Amino acid sequence: MPSKVKLPKPPMSKSHVRVGDRIVVLSGKTKGKQGTVIRVFPADQRALVDGEAAIHDTKHVKANPQANIAGGREQKLRPLHLSKLALVDPTTGKATRVRHEKDAQGNTVRVSKKSGHKFAVSTKA
């Protein structure tokens, strides 16, 4: 019989993608498709993606007239693992890896490894 003790989640790791980033899917059903990151779940290492790269789950809902709920099938976005996502380089339009650099103010800047394009600045907390 399995233990009923919940194991702690691994510590939150930093993500190479952030909300609003343009990404391309590297593997899976939507390989090569581009989309935009809506939300990032660092503890689960997953991100919700919108656009043509989005994957939907279908949930069957039973009608409940008392709560004004119509029955049918609902489409819900499925989060993708971060290892399947890569940032899109705006200069080339292709997938790129990023490195982190500090600018003159001490803020961390993501820089494209292929073209050297600097992505949005994240302020130091």
C-alpha atoms as a PDB file:
ATOM      1  CA  MET A   1       0.000   0.000   0.000  1.00  0.00           C
ATOM      2  CA  PRO A   2       1.478   3.370  -0.987  1.00  0.00           C
ATOM      3  CA  SER A   3       2.357   5.886   1.692  1.00  0.00           C
ATOM      4  CA  LYS A   4      -0.063   8.747   2.278  1.00  0.00           C
ATOM      5  CA  VAL A   5       2.764  11.113   3.113  1.00  0.00           C
ATOM      6  CA  LYS A   6       3.162  13.856   0.529  1.00  0.00           C
ATOM      7  CA  LEU A   7       6.732  14.344  -0.583  1.00  0.00           C
ATOM      8  CA  PRO A   8       7.972  17.930  -0.760  1.00  0.00           C
ATOM      9  CA  LYS A   9       8.352  19.483  -4.196  1.00  0.00           C
ATOM     10  CA  PRO A  10      11.899  20.103  -5.384  1.00  0.00           C
ATOM     11  CA  PRO A  11      13.126  23.669  -4.881  1.00  0.00           C
ATOM     12  CA  MET A  12      11.993  26.165  -7.505  1.00  0.00           C
ATOM     13  CA  SER A  13      14.472  26.433 -10.297  1.00  0.00           C
ATOM     14  CA  LYS A  14      14.962  29.485 -12.483  1.00  0.00           C
ATOM     15  CA  SER A  15      13.280  29.421 -15.841  1.00  0.00           C
ATOM     16  CA  HIS A  16      14.660  30.578 -19.179  1.00  0.00           C
ATOM     17  CA  VAL A  17      11.175  31.668 -20.295  1.00  0.00           C
ATOM     18  CA  ARG A  18       9.014  34.390 -18.790  1.00  0.00           C
ATOM     19  CA  VAL A  19       5.451  35.620 -19.227  1.00  0.00           C
ATOM     20  CA  GLY A  20       5.014  37.352 -22.582  1.00  0.00           C
ATOM     21  CA  ASP A  21       7.962  35.622 -24.266  1.00  0.00           C
ATOM     22  CA  ARG A  22       7.622  34.363 -27.829  1.00  0.00           C
ATOM     23  CA  ILE A  23       8.572  30.664 -27.832  1.00  0.00           C
ATOM     24  CA  VAL A  24       8.860  27.707 -30.206  1.00  0.00           C
ATOM     25  CA  VAL A  25       8.062  24.109 -29.222  1.00  0.00           C
ATOM     26  CA  LEU A  26      11.025  21.748 -29.632  1.00  0.00           C
ATOM     27  CA  SER A  27       9.288  18.368 -29.357  1.00  0.00           C
ATOM     28  CA  GLY A  28       5.872  16.772 -29.140  1.00  0.00           C
ATOM     29  CA  LYS A  29       2.623  17.110 -31.013  1.00  0.00           C
ATOM     30  CA  THR A  30       3.105  20.817 -31.751  1.00  0.00           C
ATOM     31  CA  LYS A  31       6.810  20.635 -32.651  1.00  0.00           C
ATOM     32  CA  GLY A  32       7.992  23.716 -34.564  1.00  0.00           C
ATOM     33  CA  LYS A  33       4.894  25.800 -33.731  1.00  0.00           C
ATOM     34  CA  GLN A  34       5.240  29.229 -32.123  1.00  0.00           C
ATOM     35  CA  GLY A  35       3.249  30.767 -29.299  1.00  0.00           C
ATOM     36  CA  THR A  36       3.308  33.181 -26.380  1.00  0.00           C
ATOM     37  CA  VAL A  37       3.852  32.283 -22.716  1.00  0.00           C
ATOM     38  CA  ILE A  38       0.787  33.142 -20.614  1.00  0.00           C
ATOM     39  CA  ARG A  39       1.919  31.812 -17.228  1.00  0.00           C
ATOM     40  CA  VAL A  40       4.956  30.009 -15.810  1.00  0.00           C
ATOM     41  CA  PHE A  41       4.871  27.410 -13.018  1.00  0.00           C
ATOM     42  CA  PRO A  42       8.497  27.238 -11.786  1.00  0.00           C
ATOM     43  CA  ALA A  43       7.855  24.586  -9.131  1.00  0.00           C
ATOM     44  CA  ASP A  44       6.398  22.211 -11.725  1.00  0.00           C
ATOM     45  CA  GLN A  45       8.795  23.382 -14.473  1.00  0.00           C
ATOM     46  CA  ARG A  46       5.874  23.999 -16.811  1.00  0.00           C
ATOM     47  CA  ALA A  47       4.366  26.918 -18.729  1.00  0.00           C
ATOM     48  CA  LEU A  48       0.993  27.720 -20.279  1.00  0.00           C
ATOM     49  CA  VAL A  49       1.377  28.647 -23.934  1.00  0.00           C
ATOM     50  CA  ASP A  50      -1.142  30.409 -26.168  1.00  0.00           C
ATOM     51  CA  GLY A  51      -1.188  30.554 -29.953  1.00  0.00           C
ATOM     52  CA  GLU A  52      -0.681  27.763 -32.463  1.00  0.00           C
ATOM     53  CA  ALA A  53       1.649  25.966 -30.003  1.00  0.00           C
ATOM     54  CA  ALA A  54      -1.140  25.565 -27.435  1.00  0.00           C
ATOM     55  CA  ILE A  55      -2.349  22.104 -26.467  1.00  0.00           C
ATOM     56  CA  HIS A  56      -5.873  21.704 -25.114  1.00  0.00           C
ATOM     57  CA  ASP A  57      -7.388  19.075 -22.845  1.00  0.00           C
ATOM     58  CA  THR A  58     -11.065  18.246 -23.271  1.00  0.00           C
ATOM     59  CA  LYS A  59     -13.197  17.928 -20.144  1.00  0.00           C
ATOM     60  CA  HIS A  60     -16.737  16.567 -20.337  1.00  0.00           C
ATOM     61  CA  VAL A  61     -19.090  18.609 -18.141  1.00  0.00           C
ATOM     62  CA  LYS A  62     -22.472  17.407 -16.997  1.00  0.00           C
ATOM     63  CA  ALA A  63     -25.309  19.942 -17.231  1.00  0.00           C
ATOM     64  CA  ASN A  64     -26.546  21.423 -13.956  1.00  0.00           C
ATOM     65  CA  PRO A  65     -29.625  23.629 -14.456  1.00  0.00           C
ATOM     66  CA  GLN A  66     -29.686  24.714 -10.788  1.00  0.00           C
ATOM     67  CA  ALA A  67     -26.220  26.292 -11.110  1.00  0.00           C
ATOM     68  CA  ASN A  68     -26.846  27.542 -14.692  1.00  0.00           C
ATOM     69  CA  ILE A  69     -24.113  25.267 -16.091  1.00  0.00           C
ATOM     70  CA  ALA A  70     -24.613  24.047 -19.630  1.00  0.00           C
ATOM     71  CA  GLY A  71     -23.333  20.577 -20.384  1.00  0.00           C
ATOM     72  CA  GLY A  72     -20.845  19.761 -23.077  1.00  0.00           C
ATOM     73  CA  ARG A  73     -17.124  19.638 -23.701  1.00  0.00           C
ATOM     74  CA  GLU A  74     -14.798  22.337 -22.356  1.00  0.00           C
ATOM     75  CA  GLN A  75     -11.384  23.074 -23.829  1.00  0.00           C
ATOM     76  CA  LYS A  76      -8.674  23.781 -21.254  1.00  0.00           C
ATOM     77  CA  LEU A  77      -5.027  24.713 -21.889  1.00  0.00           C
ATOM     78  CA  ARG A  78      -2.449  22.096 -20.913  1.00  0.00           C
ATOM     79  CA  PRO A  79       0.894  23.326 -19.536  1.00  0.00           C
ATOM     80  CA  LEU A  80       4.031  22.299 -21.442  1.00  0.00           C
ATOM     81  CA  HIS A  81       7.324  21.299 -19.834  1.00  0.00           C
ATOM     82  CA  LEU A  82       9.998  24.007 -19.954  1.00  0.00           C
ATOM     83  CA  SER A  83      12.522  21.662 -21.561  1.00  0.00           C
ATOM     84  CA  LYS A  84      10.306  21.516 -24.652  1.00  0.00           C
ATOM     85  CA  LEU A  85      10.309  25.306 -25.087  1.00  0.00           C
ATOM     86  CA  ALA A  86      12.918  27.630 -26.590  1.00  0.00           C
ATOM     87  CA  LEU A  87      12.857  31.399 -26.994  1.00  0.00           C
ATOM     88  CA  VAL A  88      12.403  32.790 -30.494  1.00  0.00           C
ATOM     89  CA  ASP A  89      15.200  35.129 -31.543  1.00  0.00           C
ATOM     90  CA  PRO A  90      13.525  38.261 -33.030  1.00  0.00           C
ATOM     91  CA  THR A  91      16.397  38.891 -35.439  1.00  0.00           C
ATOM     92  CA  THR A  92      16.423  35.407 -37.011  1.00  0.00           C
ATOM     93  CA  GLY A  93      12.931  34.135 -36.141  1.00  0.00           C
ATOM     94  CA  LYS A  94      14.403  30.780 -35.028  1.00  0.00           C
ATOM     95  CA  ALA A  95      14.833  29.040 -31.679  1.00  0.00           C
ATOM     96  CA  THR A  96      17.763  30.184 -29.580  1.00  0.00           C
ATOM     97  CA  ARG A  97      19.420  29.496 -26.254  1.00  0.00           C
ATOM     98  CA  VAL A  98      20.062  32.357 -23.857  1.00  0.00           C
ATOM     99  CA  ARG A  99      22.846  33.358 -21.521  1.00  0.00           C
ATOM    100  CA  HIS A 100      22.544  35.745 -18.596  1.00  0.00           C
ATOM    101  CA  GLU A 101      24.604  38.920 -18.333  1.00  0.00           C
ATOM    102  CA  LYS A 102      24.624  41.881 -15.979  1.00  0.00           C
ATOM    103  CA  ASP A 103      24.171  45.374 -17.417  1.00  0.00           C
ATOM    104  CA  ALA A 104      25.624  48.625 -16.051  1.00  0.00           C
ATOM    105  CA  GLN A 105      22.819  49.016 -13.466  1.00  0.00           C
ATOM    106  CA  GLY A 106      23.332  45.466 -12.139  1.00  0.00           C
ATOM    107  CA  ASN A 107      20.162  44.064 -13.734  1.00  0.00           C
ATOM    108  CA  THR A 108      20.185  40.594 -15.248  1.00  0.00           C
ATOM    109  CA  VAL A 109      19.692  40.612 -19.017  1.00  0.00           C
ATOM    110  CA  ARG A 110      18.991  37.575 -21.169  1.00  0.00           C
ATOM    111  CA  VAL A 111      21.098  37.560 -24.318  1.00  0.00           C
ATOM    112  CA  SER A 112      20.601  35.344 -27.375  1.00  0.00           C
ATOM    113  CA  LYS A 113      23.545  33.014 -27.930  1.00  0.00           C
ATOM    114  CA  LYS A 114      23.154  33.101 -31.731  1.00  0.00           C
ATOM    115  CA  SER A 115      22.657  36.769 -32.527  1.00  0.00           C
ATOM    116  CA  GLY A 116      23.467  38.617 -29.308  1.00  0.00           C
ATOM    117  CA  HIS A 117      19.960  40.158 -29.112  1.00  0.00           C
ATOM    118  CA  LYS A 118      19.146  41.426 -25.591  1.00  0.00           C
ATOM    119  CA  PHE A 119      15.749  40.441 -24.215  1.00  0.00           C
ATOM    120  CA  ALA A 120      13.723  42.372 -21.627  1.00  0.00           C
ATOM    121  CA  VAL A 121      15.466  43.467 -18.451  1.00  0.00           C
ATOM    122  CA  SER A 122      14.454  41.843 -15.187  1.00  0.00           C
ATOM    123  CA  THR A 123      14.911  44.096 -12.182  1.00  0.00           C
ATOM    124  CA  LYS A 124      16.962  42.866  -9.255  1.00  0.00           C
ATOM    125  CA  ALA A 125      14.791  42.132  -6.218  1.00  0.00           C
END
